[in-house]
């Protein structure tokens, strides 16, 4: 039922939002250049890696040694707006159609984090990652890594179709208020370090 719901909603959204997707793609091309899409490997269900697609929000500014500059320096005002409105996430609907992702689930993080999770934290990969999730409607990027991973595992243990509908409704409110866009003191979520999140997770 969850997979069928994901497929039908994602397909309908891609059709209805296709004009918006086209407009955003043109804006990214004009403001940031090519490529329009940002593609990156991310771990999905059971840790299987897939390619996640988003609209690009950063420039390719590099230092004298050819290395990319820090995120804060490459994130433009236009990119901040895309992130604030979550328009950069729209191409992930195709990942939902493909079955890489679900509408609701723990957000797909970096592949390099796989070896950093504790066994308990790694349980977040027992379900498909989502466009939105329990952590996103309970603080989004303003939460600590410890709390974010607690919320992800809580969803794995308590997930249901009813909870998914509740999260989708709450996501609309979060996007409208633009809550939790940035981590405190940072333009983007800081890197996950194992030392920051080794406390036992509470399932109550």
Protein backbone atom coordinates (compact mmCIF):
# COMPACT_ATOMS: atom_id res chain seq x y z
CA UNK A 1 0.00 0.00 0.00
CA UNK A 2 2.81 2.43 0.86
CA UNK A 3 4.66 1.73 -2.39
CA UNK A 4 1.50 2.13 -4.49
CA UNK A 5 0.67 5.39 -2.70
CA UNK A 6 4.23 6.66 -3.26
CA UNK A 7 4.12 5.79 -6.95
CA UNK A 8 0.73 7.35 -7.65
CA UNK A 9 1.42 10.56 -5.72
CA UNK A 10 4.93 11.01 -7.15
CA UNK A 11 3.75 10.46 -10.73
CA UNK A 12 0.85 12.86 -10.26
CA UNK A 13 3.15 15.45 -8.67
CA UNK A 14 5.65 15.21 -11.54
CA UNK A 15 2.87 15.78 -14.06
CA UNK A 16 1.22 18.65 -12.18
CA UNK A 17 4.52 20.30 -11.26
CA UNK A 18 6.22 19.82 -14.64
CA UNK A 19 5.83 23.54 -15.57
CA UNK A 20 7.37 24.55 -12.23
CA UNK A 21 10.18 22.03 -12.69
CA UNK A 22 10.88 23.56 -16.09
CA UNK A 23 10.95 27.10 -14.74
CA UNK A 24 13.27 26.19 -11.87
CA UNK A 25 15.57 24.31 -14.25
CA UNK A 26 15.87 27.41 -16.46
CA UNK A 27 16.50 29.62 -13.43
CA UNK A 28 19.26 27.31 -12.19
CA UNK A 29 20.85 27.26 -15.65
CA UNK A 30 20.79 31.08 -15.87
CA UNK A 31 21.88 31.77 -12.28
CA UNK A 32 24.33 28.93 -11.65
CA UNK A 33 25.14 27.48 -15.05
CA UNK A 34 25.49 23.81 -15.88
CA UNK A 35 24.85 21.21 -14.71
CA UNK A 36 21.30 22.03 -13.63
CA UNK A 37 20.96 18.90 -11.51
CA UNK A 38 23.12 17.86 -8.60
CA UNK A 39 23.66 14.09 -8.59
CA UNK A 40 25.22 12.22 -5.67
CA UNK A 41 25.30 8.60 -4.47
CA UNK A 42 23.25 8.08 -1.31
CA UNK A 43 22.44 4.93 0.68
CA UNK A 44 18.89 3.68 0.51
CA UNK A 45 17.05 0.76 2.06
CA UNK A 46 19.46 -1.83 3.49
CA UNK A 47 22.30 0.54 2.64
CA UNK A 48 22.00 -0.03 -1.12
CA UNK A 49 23.44 2.96 -2.94
CA UNK A 50 21.43 4.92 -5.51
CA UNK A 51 21.92 8.24 -7.28
CA UNK A 52 19.94 11.09 -5.74
CA UNK A 53 19.02 14.06 -7.95
CA UNK A 54 18.33 17.61 -6.81
CA UNK A 55 18.45 21.04 -8.37
CA UNK A 56 21.88 22.54 -7.87
CA UNK A 57 22.07 25.30 -5.26
CA UNK A 58 25.82 26.03 -5.15
CA UNK A 59 28.42 27.39 -7.53
CA UNK A 60 31.54 25.46 -8.52
CA UNK A 61 33.86 28.06 -7.00
CA UNK A 62 37.30 26.55 -6.31
CA UNK A 63 40.45 27.70 -4.55
CA UNK A 64 43.93 28.09 -6.08
CA UNK A 65 44.57 24.37 -5.61
CA UNK A 66 41.41 23.43 -7.49
CA UNK A 67 39.46 22.32 -4.43
CA UNK A 68 35.84 23.36 -3.95
CA UNK A 69 35.43 26.29 -1.59
CA UNK A 70 33.40 25.80 1.62
CA UNK A 71 29.63 25.43 1.22
CA UNK A 72 28.93 28.84 2.78
CA UNK A 73 31.03 30.54 0.09
CA UNK A 74 29.41 28.64 -2.79
CA UNK A 75 25.81 29.00 -1.63
CA UNK A 76 24.27 32.00 -3.39
CA UNK A 77 21.18 33.98 -2.40
CA UNK A 78 19.33 32.15 -5.17
CA UNK A 79 20.53 28.83 -3.78
CA UNK A 80 19.39 29.81 -0.29
CA UNK A 81 15.96 30.61 -1.69
CA UNK A 82 15.75 27.23 -3.42
CA UNK A 83 16.63 25.50 -0.17
CA UNK A 84 14.27 27.62 1.91
CA UNK A 85 11.37 26.74 -0.36
CA UNK A 86 12.58 23.12 -0.82
CA UNK A 87 12.21 23.55 -4.59
CA UNK A 88 15.67 22.01 -4.94
CA UNK A 89 14.20 18.70 -3.70
CA UNK A 90 11.58 18.34 -6.46
CA UNK A 91 13.70 16.15 -8.79
CA UNK A 92 13.74 13.53 -6.00
CA UNK A 93 10.17 12.72 -7.02
CA UNK A 94 11.79 10.73 -9.83
CA UNK A 95 13.74 8.77 -7.21
CA UNK A 96 10.40 7.96 -5.58
CA UNK A 97 8.98 6.75 -8.90
CA UNK A 98 12.05 4.55 -9.43
CA UNK A 99 11.64 3.01 -5.99
CA UNK A 100 14.90 4.40 -4.59
CA UNK A 101 12.97 6.55 -2.13
CA UNK A 102 9.59 6.92 -0.49
CA UNK A 103 7.57 10.07 0.10
CA UNK A 104 8.14 9.60 3.83
CA UNK A 105 11.16 8.09 5.55
CA UNK A 106 14.55 9.03 7.00
CA UNK A 107 16.35 11.47 4.72
CA UNK A 108 19.14 9.84 2.66
CA UNK A 109 22.48 10.98 4.03
CA UNK A 110 26.03 10.55 2.75
CA UNK A 111 27.51 7.18 1.86
CA UNK A 112 30.56 7.99 4.01
CA UNK A 113 28.31 8.04 7.08
CA UNK A 114 27.45 4.32 6.75
CA UNK A 115 30.55 3.20 8.62
CA UNK A 116 30.08 5.86 11.30
CA UNK A 117 26.68 4.76 12.59
CA UNK A 118 26.28 2.65 15.67
CA UNK A 119 24.31 -0.59 15.05
CA UNK A 120 21.25 1.12 16.51
CA UNK A 121 21.60 4.20 14.33
CA UNK A 122 22.12 2.03 11.25
CA UNK A 123 18.56 0.75 11.68
CA UNK A 124 17.41 3.94 9.94
CA UNK A 125 18.17 2.01 6.73
CA UNK A 126 15.55 -0.64 7.45
CA UNK A 127 13.10 1.40 5.35
CA UNK A 128 13.35 3.43 2.16
CA UNK A 129 14.63 6.98 2.65
CA UNK A 130 12.09 9.74 2.14
CA UNK A 131 11.52 13.15 0.66
CA UNK A 132 10.40 14.14 4.13
CA UNK A 133 10.40 12.38 7.47
CA UNK A 134 9.73 12.44 11.19
CA UNK A 135 12.96 14.35 11.84
CA UNK A 136 12.08 16.94 9.19
CA UNK A 137 8.80 17.86 10.90
CA UNK A 138 10.43 17.84 14.33
CA UNK A 139 13.21 20.37 13.89
CA UNK A 140 14.62 19.68 10.43
CA UNK A 141 18.25 20.88 10.25
CA UNK A 142 17.97 22.81 13.53
CA UNK A 143 18.23 19.56 15.53
CA UNK A 144 21.45 17.90 16.66
CA UNK A 145 22.69 14.75 14.94
CA UNK A 146 21.88 12.77 18.06
CA UNK A 147 18.25 13.90 18.04
CA UNK A 148 17.88 13.58 14.28
CA UNK A 149 19.03 9.95 14.32
CA UNK A 150 16.81 9.22 17.32
CA UNK A 151 13.83 10.48 15.35
CA UNK A 152 14.78 8.45 12.28
CA UNK A 153 14.94 5.21 14.26
CA UNK A 154 11.70 6.10 16.06
CA UNK A 155 10.02 6.30 12.66
CA UNK A 156 11.37 2.87 11.68
CA UNK A 157 9.76 1.40 14.80
CA UNK A 158 6.46 3.29 14.62
CA UNK A 159 5.91 3.88 10.89
CA UNK A 160 2.41 3.42 9.51
CA UNK A 161 0.31 4.75 6.66
CA UNK A 162 -1.52 7.00 9.11
CA UNK A 163 1.75 8.40 10.44
CA UNK A 164 2.94 9.03 6.88
CA UNK A 165 -0.17 11.08 6.14
CA UNK A 166 0.38 13.01 9.37
CA UNK A 167 4.00 13.73 8.40
CA UNK A 168 3.04 14.86 4.90
CA UNK A 169 0.48 17.27 6.34
CA UNK A 170 3.00 18.57 8.89
CA UNK A 171 5.60 19.01 6.12
CA UNK A 172 3.34 21.49 4.34
CA UNK A 173 3.16 23.57 7.53
CA UNK A 174 6.94 23.38 8.06
CA UNK A 175 7.62 24.49 4.49
CA UNK A 176 5.12 27.33 4.79
CA UNK A 177 6.82 28.61 7.96
CA UNK A 178 10.29 27.71 6.64
CA UNK A 179 11.23 26.21 9.98
CA UNK A 180 14.63 24.64 10.67
CA UNK A 181 16.22 25.43 7.32
CA UNK A 182 19.68 26.00 8.76
CA UNK A 183 21.67 24.30 11.48
CA UNK A 184 22.52 26.77 14.27
CA UNK A 185 25.47 28.90 13.18
CA UNK A 186 25.78 27.22 9.79
CA UNK A 187 24.32 27.54 6.30
CA UNK A 188 24.22 23.76 5.95
CA UNK A 189 24.04 20.76 8.26
CA UNK A 190 27.49 20.12 9.78
CA UNK A 191 29.21 16.83 9.06
CA UNK A 192 28.10 13.87 11.14
CA UNK A 193 30.81 12.68 13.51
CA UNK A 194 30.37 9.43 15.50
CA UNK A 195 31.57 11.08 18.70
CA UNK A 196 28.59 13.44 18.52
CA UNK A 197 26.02 10.67 18.66
CA UNK A 198 26.84 7.56 20.67
CA UNK A 199 24.08 7.69 23.29
CA UNK A 200 21.59 4.80 23.44
CA UNK A 201 18.45 5.60 21.47
CA UNK A 202 15.20 5.80 23.40
CA UNK A 203 12.19 4.10 21.78
CA UNK A 204 9.56 5.25 24.28
